[in-house]
Amino acid sequence: MTLRATDIAQYLQHTNVKPDATRNDIERLLGECIEHRFGGAMVNPIWIPLAVEALGGNRDTWICTAVDFPMGGATTASVAHAAAEARQAGAEQLDVMTKVGWLKSGMTSDYRDHLAAAVRAFEGGPVKAMLECTLLTHEELTLAVDLCADAGIAYVKNSSGYGGGDATPDLISTLARLARGRMEVKASGGIRTFDQAAALIEAGARLLGTSSAVAIVSGKTAGDSY
């Protein structure tokens, strides 16, 4: 499969979740989403109303947000509340951090039920689970994917882009194999070029989270990426 920039744009979730992002920064990101017809705009929950104002009714670009990352230390009740609040504000897709420490402690039911609570609270919108794959053994990763499937997760995501390492074709291929068609795969972390993006899609990614979306479709190399 030969991919062009226009083909890749629909996979890209153009991202700015930096703590110092200003209103002007987010407005620029949303304008770039409209210009390039990116598949998603990923912003912090405080910017959802602005995204709704800019993108409401736009079916090329979904409004996306994330909760409880990168640390994943919030309680299930608070994460469920944040998910419901984001949905009510207009978010259409949600990324949620998994409880890596619970998984490593053998607290598998807690791990699964936490994610299921976020899925219920988001009321039918796709929820993506950030697995932080590089912190897990292969056995833990296999178990995590199975628990995500049981919880109703729509996408497994290799990393928050902070502590879970960068996306590689081998890792994305592994996630796609472990998912066994029960969920899709989102890649994130270190995605800066068109060739990287194309390789990840070929490996099985159906979404790519990156702050370098404009550079990717323009054939340039960006300096940093979520």
Protein backbone atom coordinates (compact mmCIF):
# COMPACT_ATOMS: atom_id res chain seq x y z
CA MET A 1 0.00 0.00 0.00
CA THR A 2 1.41 3.37 -1.06
CA LEU A 3 0.29 6.19 1.20
CA ARG A 4 0.17 9.86 0.31
CA ALA A 5 0.05 12.86 2.64
CA THR A 6 -3.68 13.19 2.01
CA ASP A 7 -4.16 9.54 2.97
CA ILE A 8 -2.19 9.86 6.20
CA ALA A 9 -3.96 13.02 7.38
CA GLN A 10 -7.08 11.07 8.37
CA TYR A 11 -5.01 8.89 10.73
CA LEU A 12 -3.38 11.84 12.53
CA GLN A 13 -4.66 13.18 15.83
CA HIS A 14 -3.00 16.59 15.91
CA THR A 15 -1.98 17.12 19.52
CA ASN A 16 -1.18 19.91 21.93
CA VAL A 17 -1.51 18.88 25.57
CA LYS A 18 1.36 20.98 26.87
CA PRO A 19 0.71 22.67 30.21
CA ASP A 20 1.76 26.05 28.85
CA ALA A 21 -0.36 25.90 25.68
CA THR A 22 -2.13 29.23 25.21
CA ARG A 23 -5.48 29.98 23.61
CA ASN A 24 -3.61 31.17 20.52
CA ASP A 25 -1.70 27.86 20.39
CA ILE A 26 -4.92 25.86 20.52
CA GLU A 27 -6.64 28.07 17.96
CA ARG A 28 -3.66 27.52 15.65
CA LEU A 29 -3.89 23.76 16.14
CA LEU A 30 -7.61 23.74 15.39
CA GLY A 31 -7.08 25.83 12.26
CA GLU A 32 -4.42 23.38 11.10
CA CYS A 33 -6.84 20.51 11.68
CA ILE A 34 -9.38 22.19 9.42
CA GLU A 35 -6.79 23.10 6.78
CA HIS A 36 -5.24 19.63 6.55
CA ARG A 37 -8.36 17.62 7.43
CA PHE A 38 -6.66 15.78 10.25
CA GLY A 39 -8.59 12.93 11.81
CA GLY A 40 -8.55 14.37 15.32
CA ALA A 41 -7.68 17.36 17.46
CA MET A 42 -6.26 16.26 20.82
CA VAL A 43 -6.46 18.97 23.48
CA ASN A 44 -6.62 19.15 27.24
CA PRO A 45 -10.15 19.19 28.72
CA ILE A 46 -10.04 22.94 29.42
CA TRP A 47 -9.94 23.58 25.66
CA ILE A 48 -12.86 21.35 24.66
CA PRO A 49 -15.34 24.29 24.42
CA LEU A 50 -12.95 26.10 22.09
CA ALA A 51 -12.61 22.97 19.96
CA VAL A 52 -16.39 22.60 19.80
CA GLU A 53 -16.68 26.22 18.68
CA ALA A 54 -14.11 25.68 15.91
CA LEU A 55 -14.93 22.12 14.86
CA GLY A 56 -18.56 21.60 15.74
CA GLY A 57 -20.24 19.86 12.81
CA ASN A 58 -16.88 19.11 11.14
CA ARG A 59 -16.86 15.38 10.36
CA ASP A 60 -13.25 15.33 9.18
CA THR A 61 -11.79 16.09 12.62
CA TRP A 62 -12.97 14.49 15.86
CA ILE A 63 -12.64 16.38 19.13
CA CYS A 64 -10.38 14.35 21.41
CA THR A 65 -9.14 14.75 24.96
CA ALA A 66 -7.25 12.80 27.60
CA VAL A 67 -7.61 12.31 31.34
CA ASP A 68 -5.41 11.05 34.19
CA PHE A 69 -2.12 11.16 32.33
CA PRO A 70 0.78 10.77 32.38
CA MET A 71 0.90 9.52 35.99
CA GLY A 72 -2.39 7.62 36.18
CA GLY A 73 -2.75 8.30 39.87
CA ALA A 74 -6.35 9.54 40.05
CA THR A 75 -9.13 7.52 41.64
CA THR A 76 -11.68 5.67 39.55
CA ALA A 77 -14.43 8.01 40.73
CA SER A 78 -12.50 11.11 39.70
CA VAL A 79 -11.56 9.65 36.32
CA ALA A 80 -15.16 8.65 35.64
CA HIS A 81 -16.30 12.15 36.60
CA ALA A 82 -13.69 13.71 34.29
CA ALA A 83 -14.74 11.40 31.44
CA ALA A 84 -18.41 12.30 31.87
CA GLU A 85 -17.59 16.00 32.11
CA ALA A 86 -15.51 15.84 28.92
CA ARG A 87 -18.29 14.02 27.07
CA GLN A 88 -20.87 16.57 28.18
CA ALA A 89 -18.58 19.41 27.09
CA GLY A 90 -18.38 17.95 23.57
CA ALA A 91 -15.42 15.55 23.46
CA GLU A 92 -15.96 12.77 20.94
CA GLN A 93 -13.00 10.52 21.77
CA LEU A 94 -11.20 9.96 25.07
CA ASP A 95 -7.71 8.73 25.92
CA VAL A 96 -7.35 7.43 29.49
CA MET A 97 -4.29 6.36 31.42
CA THR A 98 -4.20 2.80 32.71
CA LYS A 99 -3.21 1.82 36.24
CA VAL A 100 0.18 0.29 35.51
CA GLY A 101 0.96 -0.24 39.18
CA TRP A 102 -2.28 -2.14 39.70
CA LEU A 103 -1.48 -4.44 36.80
CA LYS A 104 2.00 -5.13 38.17
CA SER A 105 0.50 -5.80 41.61
CA GLY A 106 -1.80 -8.50 40.26
CA MET A 107 -4.87 -6.27 40.78
CA THR A 108 -6.33 -7.29 37.46
CA SER A 109 -9.99 -6.83 38.34
CA ASP A 110 -9.30 -3.31 39.61
CA TYR A 111 -7.36 -2.52 36.43
CA ARG A 112 -10.21 -3.74 34.22
CA ASP A 113 -13.02 -2.22 36.27
CA HIS A 114 -11.33 1.18 36.31
CA LEU A 115 -11.26 1.25 32.52
CA ALA A 116 -14.82 -0.06 32.30
CA ALA A 117 -15.95 2.83 34.52
CA ALA A 118 -14.33 5.32 32.14
CA VAL A 119 -16.00 3.63 29.17
CA ARG A 120 -19.42 3.83 30.82
CA ALA A 121 -18.92 7.45 31.83
CA PHE A 122 -17.97 8.46 28.29
CA GLU A 123 -21.37 7.26 27.14
CA GLY A 124 -20.72 5.51 23.86
CA GLY A 125 -17.72 7.48 22.62
CA PRO A 126 -14.53 5.56 21.77
CA VAL A 127 -12.14 5.25 24.71
CA LYS A 128 -8.43 4.57 24.17
CA ALA A 129 -6.28 3.03 26.89
CA MET A 130 -2.68 4.21 27.31
CA LEU A 131 -0.76 1.07 28.20
CA GLU A 132 2.79 2.42 28.70
CA CYS A 133 4.10 -0.68 26.95
CA THR A 134 7.79 -0.23 27.69
CA LEU A 135 7.03 -0.48 31.42
CA LEU A 136 5.47 -3.94 30.92
CA THR A 137 6.80 -7.42 30.35
CA HIS A 138 5.38 -9.30 27.38
CA GLU A 139 3.16 -11.31 29.72
CA GLU A 140 1.90 -8.13 31.38
CA LEU A 141 1.26 -6.52 28.01
CA THR A 142 -0.72 -9.55 26.83
CA LEU A 143 -2.81 -9.45 29.99
CA ALA A 144 -3.32 -5.69 29.73
CA VAL A 145 -4.70 -5.99 26.20
CA ASP A 146 -7.09 -8.76 27.25
CA LEU A 147 -8.32 -6.69 30.21
CA CYS A 148 -8.84 -3.69 27.94
CA ALA A 149 -10.97 -5.83 25.64
CA ASP A 150 -13.04 -7.03 28.61
CA ALA A 151 -13.52 -3.41 29.73
CA GLY A 152 -14.93 -2.28 26.38
CA ILE A 153 -11.91 -0.23 25.30
CA ALA A 154 -12.01 0.76 21.62
CA TYR A 155 -8.26 1.37 21.08
CA VAL A 156 -5.12 0.23 22.84
CA LYS A 157 -2.38 2.86 22.73
CA ASN A 158 1.28 2.07 23.23
CA SER A 159 2.13 5.14 25.28
CA SER A 160 0.99 8.41 26.78
CA GLY A 161 3.94 9.92 24.92
CA TYR A 162 5.67 10.67 28.20
CA GLY A 163 6.69 7.62 30.22
CA GLY A 164 5.82 4.71 27.98
CA GLY A 165 8.34 5.04 25.18
CA ASP A 166 8.03 5.83 21.48
CA ALA A 167 5.97 3.97 18.92
CA THR A 168 7.81 1.51 16.68
CA PRO A 169 6.46 -0.69 13.90
CA ASP A 170 7.41 -3.84 15.84
CA LEU A 171 5.53 -2.70 18.93
CA ILE A 172 2.46 -1.62 16.99
CA SER A 173 2.45 -4.93 15.12
CA THR A 174 2.60 -6.75 18.46
CA LEU A 175 -0.33 -4.74 19.82
CA ALA A 176 -2.38 -5.42 16.70
CA ARG A 177 -1.67 -9.13 17.02
CA LEU A 178 -2.57 -9.19 20.71
CA ALA A 179 -5.77 -7.23 20.08
CA ARG A 180 -6.97 -9.98 17.72
CA GLY A 181 -9.52 -7.71 16.07
CA ARG A 182 -11.26 -6.88 19.35
CA MET A 183 -9.86 -3.34 19.38
CA GLU A 184 -7.94 -1.00 17.12
CA VAL A 185 -4.44 0.35 17.84
CA LYS A 186 -3.30 3.94 18.35
CA ALA A 187 0.40 4.81 18.10
CA SER A 188 2.00 7.72 19.93
CA GLY A 189 5.40 8.98 20.97
CA GLY A 190 8.22 10.13 18.71
CA ILE A 191 6.19 10.29 15.47
CA ARG A 192 7.84 13.13 13.55
CA THR A 193 8.10 12.20 9.86
CA PHE A 194 5.95 10.96 7.00
CA ASP A 195 8.00 7.76 6.71
CA GLN A 196 7.55 6.99 10.41
CA ALA A 197 3.81 7.57 10.17
CA ALA A 198 3.48 5.39 7.07
CA ALA A 199 5.45 2.55 8.69
CA LEU A 200 3.23 2.62 11.78
CA ILE A 201 0.07 2.51 9.68
CA GLU A 202 1.49 -0.40 7.70
CA ALA A 203 2.19 -2.14 11.04
CA GLY A 204 -1.45 -1.87 12.08
CA ALA A 205 -2.01 1.55 13.67
CA ARG A 206 -5.38 3.10 12.89
CA LEU A 207 -4.68 6.36 14.71
CA LEU A 208 -1.45 8.29 15.29
CA GLY A 209 -1.12 10.81 18.11
CA THR A 210 1.47 13.47 17.33
CA SER A 211 2.23 17.15 17.77
CA SER A 212 4.08 16.99 14.44
CA ALA A 213 1.08 16.40 12.18
CA VAL A 214 1.71 19.45 9.99
CA ALA A 215 5.34 18.50 9.48
CA ILE A 216 4.33 14.93 8.62
CA VAL A 217 1.92 15.92 5.85
CA SER A 218 4.33 18.62 4.63
CA GLY A 219 7.26 16.24 4.30
CA LYS A 220 9.33 18.01 6.95
CA THR A 221 10.94 16.82 10.20
CA ALA A 222 9.67 18.24 13.47
CA GLY A 223 11.77 18.77 16.55
CA ASP A 224 9.42 17.24 19.08
CA SER A 225 6.35 15.08 19.21
CA TYR A 226 3.76 13.95 21.74
